[in-house]
Amino acid sequence: MSDLNPWQRVLAQLRLELDEEDFRRWFSSTSYAGDSGEQITVWIGTESVRRHIEVHFQGVIERALIALDRRNTEIRFVVVGFGEEEEDDG
Protein backbone atom coordinates (compact mmCIF):
# COMPACT_ATOMS: atom_id res chain seq x y z
CA MET A 1 0.00 0.00 0.00
CA SER A 2 3.06 2.28 0.20
CA ASP A 3 2.86 3.02 -3.55
CA LEU A 4 -0.60 4.54 -3.10
CA ASN A 5 -1.19 8.26 -2.66
CA PRO A 6 -2.95 9.35 0.56
CA TRP A 7 -6.41 9.48 -1.05
CA GLN A 8 -5.96 5.99 -2.55
CA ARG A 9 -5.13 4.73 0.96
CA VAL A 10 -8.31 6.36 2.29
CA LEU A 11 -10.31 4.80 -0.56
CA ALA A 12 -8.87 1.37 0.24
CA GLN A 13 -10.15 1.75 3.81
CA LEU A 14 -13.56 2.98 2.60
CA ARG A 15 -13.90 -0.11 0.40
CA LEU A 16 -13.72 -2.24 3.55
CA GLU A 17 -16.77 -0.52 5.06
CA LEU A 18 -18.98 0.43 2.11
CA ASP A 19 -20.93 -1.82 -0.19
CA GLU A 20 -19.53 -1.89 -3.70
CA GLU A 21 -22.41 0.06 -5.26
CA ASP A 22 -22.11 2.97 -2.80
CA PHE A 23 -18.36 3.01 -3.22
CA ARG A 24 -18.59 3.03 -7.02
CA ARG A 25 -21.39 5.59 -7.18
CA TRP A 26 -19.93 8.15 -4.81
CA PHE A 27 -16.14 7.69 -4.83
CA SER A 28 -15.10 6.31 -8.23
CA SER A 29 -14.97 9.75 -9.87
CA THR A 30 -12.86 11.38 -7.15
CA SER A 31 -9.20 12.19 -7.80
CA TYR A 32 -6.27 12.98 -5.56
CA ALA A 33 -5.09 16.58 -5.80
CA GLY A 34 -2.59 17.00 -2.96
CA ASP A 35 -1.61 16.49 0.65
CA SER A 36 -0.33 19.25 2.91
CA GLY A 37 -0.05 16.95 5.92
CA GLU A 38 -3.04 18.51 7.66
CA GLN A 39 -5.31 18.39 4.62
CA ILE A 40 -5.79 15.96 1.75
CA THR A 41 -7.31 17.73 -1.24
CA VAL A 42 -9.56 15.67 -3.50
CA TRP A 43 -11.08 16.71 -6.81
CA ILE A 44 -14.74 15.84 -7.26
CA GLY A 45 -17.02 16.25 -10.27
CA THR A 46 -20.13 18.01 -8.95
CA GLU A 47 -21.36 19.99 -5.99
CA SER A 48 -24.21 17.53 -5.40
CA VAL A 49 -21.77 14.61 -5.11
CA ARG A 50 -19.56 16.66 -2.77
CA ARG A 51 -22.53 17.45 -0.54
CA HIS A 52 -23.74 13.84 -0.53
CA ILE A 53 -20.32 12.50 0.46
CA GLU A 54 -19.90 15.07 3.22
CA VAL A 55 -23.38 14.41 4.64
CA HIS A 56 -23.56 10.64 4.31
CA PHE A 57 -19.97 9.41 4.51
CA GLN A 58 -18.22 11.77 6.94
CA GLY A 59 -18.11 9.12 9.69
CA VAL A 60 -16.66 6.40 7.50
CA ILE A 61 -14.07 8.85 6.12
CA GLU A 62 -13.06 9.83 9.66
CA ARG A 63 -12.72 6.14 10.61
CA ALA A 64 -10.54 5.57 7.54
CA LEU A 65 -8.28 8.47 8.51
CA ILE A 66 -7.97 7.12 12.05
CA ALA A 67 -7.09 3.66 10.70
CA LEU A 68 -4.36 5.30 8.62
CA ASP A 69 -3.03 7.25 11.62
CA ARG A 70 -4.21 10.53 10.05
CA ARG A 71 -6.83 11.44 12.68
CA ASN A 72 -5.96 15.17 12.54
CA THR A 73 -6.16 15.32 8.76
CA GLU A 74 -9.06 17.02 6.99
CA ILE A 75 -10.35 15.92 3.60
CA ARG A 76 -11.11 18.92 1.38
CA PHE A 77 -13.29 18.20 -1.63
CA VAL A 78 -12.86 20.65 -4.50
CA VAL A 79 -15.49 20.63 -7.25
CA VAL A 80 -13.78 20.69 -10.65
CA GLY A 81 -16.67 19.62 -12.88
CA PHE A 82 -19.79 21.46 -13.91
CA GLY A 83 -22.53 20.99 -11.35
CA GLU A 84 -26.15 22.03 -11.19
CA GLU A 85 -25.33 25.02 -8.99
CA GLU A 86 -23.22 27.02 -11.39
CA GLU A 87 -23.75 30.72 -11.30
CA ASP A 88 -25.13 32.23 -14.44
CA ASP A 89 -23.31 35.45 -15.31
CA GLY A 90 -25.69 36.28 -18.14
PDB file of N, CA and C in Angstrom:
ATOM      1  N   MET A   1       0.826  -1.202   0.000  1.00  0.00           N
ATOM      2  CA  MET A   1       0.000   0.000   0.000  1.00  0.00           C
ATOM      3  C   MET A   1       0.865   1.259   0.000  1.00  0.00           C
ATOM      4  N   SER A   2       2.191   1.117   0.137  1.00  0.00           N
ATOM      5  CA  SER A   2       3.060   2.283   0.200  1.00  0.00           C
ATOM      6  C   SER A   2       3.163   3.026  -1.135  1.00  0.00           C
ATOM      7  N   ASP A   3       2.824   2.366  -2.252  1.00  0.00           N
ATOM      8  CA  ASP A   3       2.861   3.023  -3.552  1.00  0.00           C
ATOM      9  C   ASP A   3       1.621   3.871  -3.816  1.00  0.00           C
ATOM     10  N   LEU A   4       0.656   3.801  -2.926  1.00  0.00           N
ATOM     11  CA  LEU A   4      -0.597   4.537  -3.104  1.00  0.00           C
ATOM     12  C   LEU A   4      -0.464   5.948  -2.563  1.00  0.00           C
ATOM     13  N   ASN A   5      -1.154   6.906  -3.216  1.00  0.00           N
ATOM     14  CA  ASN A   5      -1.188   8.261  -2.662  1.00  0.00           C
ATOM     15  C   ASN A   5      -2.132   8.263  -1.455  1.00  0.00           C
ATOM     16  N   PRO A   6      -2.121   9.333  -0.660  1.00  0.00           N
ATOM     17  CA  PRO A   6      -2.945   9.353   0.556  1.00  0.00           C
ATOM     18  C   PRO A   6      -4.434   9.124   0.294  1.00  0.00           C
ATOM     19  N   TRP A   7      -4.981   9.671  -0.776  1.00  0.00           N
ATOM     20  CA  TRP A   7      -6.406   9.476  -1.052  1.00  0.00           C
ATOM     21  C   TRP A   7      -6.681   8.022  -1.453  1.00  0.00           C
ATOM     22  N   GLN A   8      -5.782   7.406  -2.193  1.00  0.00           N
ATOM     23  CA  GLN A   8      -5.958   5.993  -2.547  1.00  0.00           C
ATOM     24  C   GLN A   8      -5.944   5.116  -1.294  1.00  0.00           C
ATOM     25  N   ARG A   9      -5.140   5.484  -0.307  1.00  0.00           N
ATOM     26  CA  ARG A   9      -5.128   4.726   0.956  1.00  0.00           C
ATOM     27  C   ARG A   9      -6.457   4.898   1.692  1.00  0.00           C
ATOM     28  N   VAL A  10      -7.000   6.128   1.678  1.00  0.00           N
ATOM     29  CA  VAL A  10      -8.314   6.357   2.292  1.00  0.00           C
ATOM     30  C   VAL A  10      -9.372   5.533   1.555  1.00  0.00           C
ATOM     31  N   LEU A  11      -9.330   5.562   0.223  1.00  0.00           N
ATOM     32  CA  LEU A  11     -10.308   4.797  -0.559  1.00  0.00           C
ATOM     33  C   LEU A  11     -10.219   3.309  -0.260  1.00  0.00           C
ATOM     34  N   ALA A  12      -9.022   2.792  -0.086  1.00  0.00           N
ATOM     35  CA  ALA A  12      -8.872   1.367   0.241  1.00  0.00           C
ATOM     36  C   ALA A  12      -9.555   1.043   1.569  1.00  0.00           C
ATOM     37  N   GLN A  13      -9.464   1.945   2.526  1.00  0.00           N
ATOM     38  CA  GLN A  13     -10.154   1.753   3.809  1.00  0.00           C
ATOM     39  C   GLN A  13     -11.668   1.851   3.632  1.00  0.00           C
ATOM     40  N   LEU A  14     -12.128   2.817   2.827  1.00  0.00           N
ATOM     41  CA  LEU A  14     -13.564   2.979   2.604  1.00  0.00           C
ATOM     42  C   LEU A  14     -14.160   1.731   1.971  1.00  0.00           C
ATOM     43  N   ARG A  15     -13.430   1.114   1.059  1.00  0.00           N
ATOM     44  CA  ARG A  15     -13.898  -0.112   0.396  1.00  0.00           C
ATOM     45  C   ARG A  15     -14.208  -1.216   1.392  1.00  0.00           C
ATOM     46  N   LEU A  16     -13.499  -1.218   2.524  1.00  0.00           N
ATOM     47  CA  LEU A  16     -13.715  -2.235   3.546  1.00  0.00           C
ATOM     48  C   LEU A  16     -15.056  -2.050   4.258  1.00  0.00           C
ATOM     49  N   GLU A  17     -15.552  -0.814   4.304  1.00  0.00           N
ATOM     50  CA  GLU A  17     -16.771  -0.522   5.056  1.00  0.00           C
ATOM     51  C   GLU A  17     -18.014  -0.318   4.200  1.00  0.00           C
ATOM     52  N   LEU A  18     -17.834   0.095   2.959  1.00  0.00           N
ATOM     53  CA  LEU A  18     -18.982   0.425   2.111  1.00  0.00           C
ATOM     54  C   LEU A  18     -19.329  -0.732   1.191  1.00  0.00           C
ATOM     55  N   ASP A  19     -20.613  -0.818   0.830  1.00  0.00           N
ATOM     56  CA  ASP A  19     -20.932  -1.816  -0.191  1.00  0.00           C
ATOM     57  C   ASP A  19     -20.420  -1.304  -1.532  1.00  0.00           C
ATOM     58  N   GLU A  20     -20.189  -2.214  -2.439  1.00  0.00           N
ATOM     59  CA  GLU A  20     -19.528  -1.892  -3.704  1.00  0.00           C
ATOM     60  C   GLU A  20     -20.285  -0.836  -4.506  1.00  0.00           C
ATOM     61  N   GLU A  21     -21.609  -0.902  -4.492  1.00  0.00           N
ATOM     62  CA  GLU A  21     -22.411   0.060  -5.263  1.00  0.00           C
ATOM     63  C   GLU A  21     -22.253   1.481  -4.707  1.00  0.00           C
ATOM     64  N   ASP A  22     -22.314   1.641  -3.391  1.00  0.00           N
ATOM     65  CA  ASP A  22     -22.106   2.973  -2.796  1.00  0.00           C
ATOM     66  C   ASP A  22     -20.709   3.481  -3.089  1.00  0.00           C
ATOM     67  N   PHE A  23     -19.731   2.595  -2.953  1.00  0.00           N
ATOM     68  CA  PHE A  23     -18.358   3.013  -3.223  1.00  0.00           C
ATOM     69  C   PHE A  23     -18.220   3.475  -4.668  1.00  0.00           C
ATOM     70  N   ARG A  24     -18.710   2.691  -5.597  1.00  0.00           N
ATOM     71  CA  ARG A  24     -18.590   3.029  -7.021  1.00  0.00           C
ATOM     72  C   ARG A  24     -19.329   4.321  -7.336  1.00  0.00           C
ATOM     73  N   ARG A  25     -20.557   4.428  -6.857  1.00  0.00           N
ATOM     74  CA  ARG A  25     -21.392   5.587  -7.181  1.00  0.00           C
ATOM     75  C   ARG A  25     -20.804   6.891  -6.657  1.00  0.00           C
ATOM     76  N   TRP A  26     -20.301   6.888  -5.441  1.00  0.00           N
ATOM     77  CA  TRP A  26     -19.927   8.152  -4.810  1.00  0.00           C
ATOM     78  C   TRP A  26     -18.437   8.455  -4.826  1.00  0.00           C
ATOM     79  N   PHE A  27     -17.580   7.444  -4.962  1.00  0.00           N
ATOM     80  CA  PHE A  27     -16.144   7.694  -4.835  1.00  0.00           C
ATOM     81  C   PHE A  27     -15.334   7.404  -6.083  1.00  0.00           C
ATOM     82  N   SER A  28     -15.904   6.715  -7.069  1.00  0.00           N
ATOM     83  CA  SER A  28     -15.102   6.314  -8.233  1.00  0.00           C
ATOM     84  C   SER A  28     -14.643   7.497  -9.080  1.00  0.00           C
ATOM     85  N   SER A  29     -15.347   8.601  -9.035  1.00  0.00           N
ATOM     86  CA  SER A  29     -14.968   9.746  -9.873  1.00  0.00           C
ATOM     87  C   SER A  29     -14.108  10.772  -9.127  1.00  0.00           C
ATOM     88  N   THR A  30     -13.714  10.454  -7.897  1.00  0.00           N
ATOM     89  CA  THR A  30     -12.860  11.377  -7.152  1.00  0.00           C
ATOM     90  C   THR A  30     -11.404  11.193  -7.575  1.00  0.00           C
ATOM     91  N   SER A  31     -10.613  12.248  -7.435  1.00  0.00           N
ATOM     92  CA  SER A  31      -9.198  12.191  -7.800  1.00  0.00           C
ATOM     93  C   SER A  31      -8.357  12.926  -6.767  1.00  0.00           C
ATOM     94  N   TYR A  32      -7.212  12.368  -6.482  1.00  0.00           N
ATOM     95  CA  TYR A  32      -6.266  12.981  -5.555  1.00  0.00           C
ATOM     96  C   TYR A  32      -5.691  14.254  -6.154  1.00  0.00           C
ATOM     97  N   ALA A  33      -5.666  15.317  -5.350  1.00  0.00           N
ATOM     98  CA  ALA A  33      -5.089  16.580  -5.804  1.00  0.00           C
ATOM     99  C   ALA A  33      -3.823  16.942  -5.034  1.00  0.00           C
ATOM    100  N   GLY A  34      -3.784  16.653  -3.732  1.00  0.00           N
ATOM    101  CA  GLY A  34      -2.594  17.002  -2.964  1.00  0.00           C
ATOM    102  C   GLY A  34      -2.752  16.698  -1.490  1.00  0.00           C
ATOM    103  N   ASP A  35      -1.630  16.779  -0.781  1.00  0.00           N
ATOM    104  CA  ASP A  35      -1.605  16.485   0.654  1.00  0.00           C
ATOM    105  C   ASP A  35      -0.645  17.449   1.320  1.00  0.00           C
ATOM    106  N   SER A  36      -1.177  18.295   2.192  1.00  0.00           N
ATOM    107  CA  SER A  36      -0.333  19.252   2.908  1.00  0.00           C
ATOM    108  C   SER A  36       0.113  18.710   4.260  1.00  0.00           C
ATOM    109  N   GLY A  37      -0.328  17.507   4.601  1.00  0.00           N
ATOM    110  CA  GLY A  37      -0.054  16.954   5.920  1.00  0.00           C
ATOM    111  C   GLY A  37      -1.269  17.085   6.819  1.00  0.00           C
ATOM    112  N   GLU A  38      -1.828  18.275   6.868  1.00  0.00           N
ATOM    113  CA  GLU A  38      -3.040  18.513   7.658  1.00  0.00           C
ATOM    114  C   GLU A  38      -4.299  18.384   6.819  1.00  0.00           C
ATOM    115  N   GLN A  39      -4.145  18.406   5.505  1.00  0.00           N
ATOM    116  CA  GLN A  39      -5.308  18.386   4.619  1.00  0.00           C
ATOM    117  C   GLN A  39      -4.984  17.603   3.347  1.00  0.00           C
ATOM    118  N   ILE A  40      -5.870  16.659   3.028  1.00  0.00           N
ATOM    119  CA  ILE A  40      -5.791  15.959   1.755  1.00  0.00           C
ATOM    120  C   ILE A  40      -6.829  16.599   0.855  1.00  0.00           C
ATOM    121  N   THR A  41      -6.405  17.087  -0.296  1.00  0.00           N
ATOM    122  CA  THR A  41      -7.314  17.728  -1.240  1.00  0.00           C
ATOM    123  C   THR A  41      -7.693  16.716  -2.311  1.00  0.00           C
ATOM    124  N   VAL A  42      -9.009  16.646  -2.557  1.00  0.00           N
ATOM    125  CA  VAL A  42      -9.557  15.674  -3.501  1.00  0.00           C
ATOM    126  C   VAL A  42     -10.441  16.412  -4.488  1.00  0.00           C
ATOM    127  N   TRP A  43     -10.218  16.151  -5.777  1.00  0.00           N
ATOM    128  CA  TRP A  43     -11.080  16.713  -6.808  1.00  0.00           C
ATOM    129  C   TRP A  43     -12.328  15.851  -6.928  1.00  0.00           C
ATOM    130  N   ILE A  44     -13.450  16.532  -7.150  1.00  0.00           N
ATOM    131  CA  ILE A  44     -14.736  15.838  -7.261  1.00  0.00           C
ATOM    132  C   ILE A  44     -15.534  16.509  -8.368  1.00  0.00           C
ATOM    133  N   GLY A  45     -16.387  15.764  -9.053  1.00  0.00           N
ATOM    134  CA  GLY A  45     -17.022  16.251 -10.270  1.00  0.00           C
ATOM    135  C   GLY A  45     -18.140  17.255 -10.104  1.00  0.00           C
ATOM    136  N   THR A  46     -18.976  17.113  -9.080  1.00  0.00           N
ATOM    137  CA  THR A  46     -20.126  18.011  -8.951  1.00  0.00           C
ATOM    138  C   THR A  46     -20.349  18.406  -7.495  1.00  0.00           C
ATOM    139  N   GLU A  47     -21.010  19.520  -7.324  1.00  0.00           N
ATOM    140  CA  GLU A  47     -21.358  19.993  -5.990  1.00  0.00           C
ATOM    141  C   GLU A  47     -22.316  19.029  -5.300  1.00  0.00           C
ATOM    142  N   SER A  48     -23.246  18.446  -6.034  1.00  0.00           N
ATOM    143  CA  SER A  48     -24.206  17.528  -5.402  1.00  0.00           C
ATOM    144  C   SER A  48     -23.506  16.280  -4.875  1.00  0.00           C
ATOM    145  N   VAL A  49     -22.524  15.767  -5.589  1.00  0.00           N
ATOM    146  CA  VAL A  49     -21.766  14.606  -5.106  1.00  0.00           C
ATOM    147  C   VAL A  49     -20.944  15.007  -3.888  1.00  0.00           C
ATOM    148  N   ARG A  50     -20.331  16.181  -3.927  1.00  0.00           N
ATOM    149  CA  ARG A  50     -19.558  16.658  -2.767  1.00  0.00           C
ATOM    150  C   ARG A  50     -20.441  16.723  -1.525  1.00  0.00           C
ATOM    151  N   ARG A  51     -21.610  17.331  -1.680  1.00  0.00           N
ATOM    152  CA  ARG A  51     -22.529  17.449  -0.539  1.00  0.00           C
ATOM    153  C   ARG A  51     -22.949  16.080  -0.021  1.00  0.00           C
ATOM    154  N   HIS A  52     -23.286  15.174  -0.934  1.00  0.00           N
ATOM    155  CA  HIS A  52     -23.740  13.840  -0.530  1.00  0.00           C
ATOM    156  C   HIS A  52     -22.644  13.116   0.255  1.00  0.00           C
ATOM    157  N   ILE A  53     -21.423  13.160  -0.233  1.00  0.00           N
ATOM    158  CA  ILE A  53     -20.321  12.497   0.458  1.00  0.00           C
ATOM    159  C   ILE A  53     -20.122  13.106   1.839  1.00  0.00           C
ATOM    160  N   GLU A  54     -20.127  14.431   1.932  1.00  0.00           N
ATOM    161  CA  GLU A  54     -19.898  15.073   3.220  1.00  0.00           C
ATOM    162  C   GLU A  54     -21.023  14.792   4.216  1.00  0.00           C
ATOM    163  N   VAL A  55     -22.248  14.675   3.747  1.00  0.00           N
ATOM    164  CA  VAL A  55     -23.378  14.415   4.643  1.00  0.00           C
ATOM    165  C   VAL A  55     -23.445  12.939   5.037  1.00  0.00           C
ATOM    166  N   HIS A  56     -23.288  12.055   4.069  1.00  0.00           N
ATOM    167  CA  HIS A  56     -23.559  10.635   4.315  1.00  0.00           C
ATOM    168  C   HIS A  56     -22.339   9.785   4.642  1.00  0.00           C
ATOM    169  N   PHE A  57     -21.150  10.255   4.330  1.00  0.00           N
ATOM    170  CA  PHE A  57     -19.973   9.411   4.509  1.00  0.00           C
ATOM    171  C   PHE A  57     -18.900  10.028   5.403  1.00  0.00           C
ATOM    172  N   GLN A  58     -19.215  11.110   6.087  1.00  0.00           N
ATOM    173  CA  GLN A  58     -18.223  11.767   6.937  1.00  0.00           C
ATOM    174  C   GLN A  58     -17.675  10.806   7.998  1.00  0.00           C
ATOM    175  N   GLY A  59     -18.544  10.043   8.631  1.00  0.00           N
ATOM    176  CA  GLY A  59     -18.111   9.123   9.690  1.00  0.00           C
ATOM    177  C   GLY A  59     -17.171   8.051   9.181  1.00  0.00           C
ATOM    178  N   VAL A  60     -17.499   7.457   8.052  1.00  0.00           N
ATOM    179  CA  VAL A  60     -16.656   6.403   7.502  1.00  0.00           C
ATOM    180  C   VAL A  60     -15.318   6.975   7.015  1.00  0.00           C
ATOM    181  N   ILE A  61     -15.320   8.203   6.515  1.00  0.00           N
ATOM    182  CA  ILE A  61     -14.071   8.850   6.116  1.00  0.00           C
ATOM    183  C   ILE A  61     -13.205   9.117   7.351  1.00  0.00           C
ATOM    184  N   GLU A  62     -13.806   9.589   8.427  1.00  0.00           N
ATOM    185  CA  GLU A  62     -13.061   9.830   9.661  1.00  0.00           C
ATOM    186  C   GLU A  62     -12.479   8.531  10.213  1.00  0.00           C
ATOM    187  N   ARG A  63     -13.243   7.436  10.155  1.00  0.00           N
ATOM    188  CA  ARG A  63     -12.719   6.143  10.609  1.00  0.00           C
ATOM    189  C   ARG A  63     -11.545   5.688   9.740  1.00  0.00           C
ATOM    190  N   ALA A  64     -11.636   5.932   8.442  1.00  0.00           N
ATOM    191  CA  ALA A  64     -10.541   5.569   7.536  1.00  0.00           C
ATOM    192  C   ALA A  64      -9.280   6.360   7.883  1.00  0.00           C
ATOM    193  N   LEU A  65      -9.441   7.646   8.154  1.00  0.00           N
ATOM    194  CA  LEU A  65      -8.285   8.474   8.513  1.00  0.00           C
ATOM    195  C   LEU A  65      -7.656   7.998   9.826  1.00  0.00           C
ATOM    196  N   ILE A  66      -8.487   7.635  10.782  1.00  0.00           N
ATOM    197  CA  ILE A  66      -7.972   7.117  12.054  1.00  0.00           C
ATOM    198  C   ILE A  66      -7.203   5.821  11.818  1.00  0.00           C
ATOM    199  N   ALA A  67      -7.760   4.929  10.998  1.00  0.00           N
ATOM    200  CA  ALA A  67      -7.093   3.656  10.698  1.00  0.00           C
ATOM    201  C   ALA A  67      -5.742   3.872  10.032  1.00  0.00           C
ATOM    202  N   LEU A  68      -5.606   4.981   9.310  1.00  0.00           N
ATOM    203  CA  LEU A  68      -4.361   5.299   8.616  1.00  0.00           C
ATOM    204  C   LEU A  68      -3.435   6.196   9.446  1.00  0.00           C
ATOM    205  N   ASP A  69      -3.796   6.392  10.720  1.00  0.00           N
ATOM    206  CA  ASP A  69      -3.035   7.250  11.622  1.00  0.00           C
ATOM    207  C   ASP A  69      -2.956   8.687  11.107  1.00  0.00           C
ATOM    208  N   ARG A  70      -4.097   9.158  10.562  1.00  0.00           N
ATOM    209  CA  ARG A  70      -4.214  10.528  10.051  1.00  0.00           C
ATOM    210  C   ARG A  70      -5.406  11.225  10.720  1.00  0.00           C
ATOM    211  N   ARG A  71      -5.619  10.961  11.996  1.00  0.00           N
ATOM    212  CA  ARG A  71      -6.825  11.441  12.685  1.00  0.00           C
ATOM    213  C   ARG A  71      -6.960  12.968  12.681  1.00  0.00           C
ATOM    214  N   ASN A  72      -5.889  13.706  12.563  1.00  0.00           N
ATOM    215  CA  ASN A  72      -5.964  15.171  12.542  1.00  0.00           C
ATOM    216  C   ASN A  72      -5.928  15.736  11.134  1.00  0.00           C
ATOM    217  N   THR A  73      -6.168  14.892  10.160  1.00  0.00           N
ATOM    218  CA  THR A  73      -6.159  15.317   8.762  1.00  0.00           C
ATOM    219  C   THR A  73      -7.588  15.584   8.296  1.00  0.00           C
ATOM    220  N   GLU A  74      -7.760  16.660   7.576  1.00  0.00           N
ATOM    221  CA  GLU A  74      -9.059  17.019   6.994  1.00  0.00           C
ATOM    222  C   GLU A  74      -9.044  16.638   5.515  1.00  0.00           C
ATOM    223  N   ILE A  75     -10.188  16.159   5.031  1.00  0.00           N
ATOM    224  CA  ILE A  75     -10.346  15.924   3.600  1.00  0.00           C
ATOM    225  C   ILE A  75     -11.078  17.139   3.034  1.00  0.00           C
ATOM    226  N   ARG A  76     -10.491  17.762   2.039  1.00  0.00           N
ATOM    227  CA  ARG A  76     -11.106  18.923   1.385  1.00  0.00           C
ATOM    228  C   ARG A  76     -11.493  18.512  -0.031  1.00  0.00           C
ATOM    229  N   PHE A  77     -12.794  18.530  -0.304  1.00  0.00           N
ATOM    230  CA  PHE A  77     -13.291  18.198  -1.633  1.00  0.00           C
ATOM    231  C   PHE A  77     -13.431  19.474  -2.448  1.00  0.00           C
ATOM    232  N   VAL A  78     -12.817  19.501  -3.614  1.00  0.00           N
ATOM    233  CA  VAL A  78     -12.858  20.654  -4.504  1.00  0.00           C
ATOM    234  C   VAL A  78     -13.598  20.243  -5.769  1.00  0.00           C
ATOM    235  N   VAL A  79     -14.687  20.945  -6.064  1.00  0.00           N
ATOM    236  CA  VAL A  79     -15.487  20.632  -7.249  1.00  0.00           C
ATOM    237  C   VAL A  79     -14.768  21.179  -8.481  1.00  0.00           C
ATOM    238  N   VAL A  80     -14.485  20.286  -9.429  1.00  0.00           N
ATOM    239  CA  VAL A  80     -13.783  20.685 -10.647  1.00  0.00           C
ATOM    240  C   VAL A  80     -14.633  20.472 -11.893  1.00  0.00           C
ATOM    241  N   GLY A  81     -15.778  19.843 -11.733  1.00  0.00           N
ATOM    242  CA  GLY A  81     -16.666  19.625 -12.879  1.00  0.00           C
ATOM    243  C   GLY A  81     -17.732  20.693 -12.919  1.00  0.00           C
ATOM    244  N   PHE A  82     -18.678  20.533 -13.810  1.00  0.00           N
ATOM    245  CA  PHE A  82     -19.793  21.464 -13.910  1.00  0.00           C
ATOM    246  C   PHE A  82     -20.984  20.861 -13.205  1.00  0.00           C
ATOM    247  N   GLY A  83     -21.397  21.486 -12.111  1.00  0.00           N
ATOM    248  CA  GLY A  83     -22.531  20.994 -11.347  1.00  0.00           C
ATOM    249  C   GLY A  83     -23.792  21.774 -11.642  1.00  0.00           C
ATOM    250  N   GLU A  84     -24.857  21.376 -10.960  1.00  0.00           N
ATOM    251  CA  GLU A  84     -26.146  22.030 -11.190  1.00  0.00           C
ATOM    252  C   GLU A  84     -26.256  23.377 -10.503  1.00  0.00           C
ATOM    253  N   GLU A  85     -25.238  23.764  -9.724  1.00  0.00           N
ATOM    254  CA  GLU A  85     -25.329  25.018  -8.990  1.00  0.00           C
ATOM    255  C   GLU A  85     -24.406  26.092  -9.545  1.00  0.00           C
ATOM    256  N   GLU A  86     -24.062  25.998 -10.795  1.00  0.00           N
ATOM    257  CA  GLU A  86     -23.221  27.022 -11.386  1.00  0.00           C
ATOM    258  C   GLU A  86     -23.946  28.362 -11.401  1.00  0.00           C
ATOM    259  N   GLU A  87     -23.163  29.390 -11.207  1.00  0.00           N
ATOM    260  CA  GLU A  87     -23.749  30.719 -11.301  1.00  0.00           C
ATOM    261  C   GLU A  87     -23.853  31.128 -12.755  1.00  0.00           C
ATOM    262  N   ASP A  88     -24.919  31.778 -13.073  1.00  0.00           N
ATOM    263  CA  ASP A  88     -25.132  32.231 -14.443  1.00  0.00           C
ATOM    264  C   ASP A  88     -24.807  33.717 -14.504  1.00  0.00           C
ATOM    265  N   ASP A  89     -23.737  34.042 -15.221  1.00  0.00           N
ATOM    266  CA  ASP A  89     -23.310  35.445 -15.312  1.00  0.00           C
ATOM    267  C   ASP A  89     -24.135  36.245 -16.327  1.00  0.00           C
ATOM    268  N   GLY A  90     -24.981  35.580 -17.079  1.00  0.00           N
ATOM    269  CA  GLY A  90     -25.688  36.281 -18.141  1.00  0.00           C
ATOM    270  C   GLY A  90     -27.073  36.514 -17.920  1.00  0.00           C
TER     271      GLY A  90
END
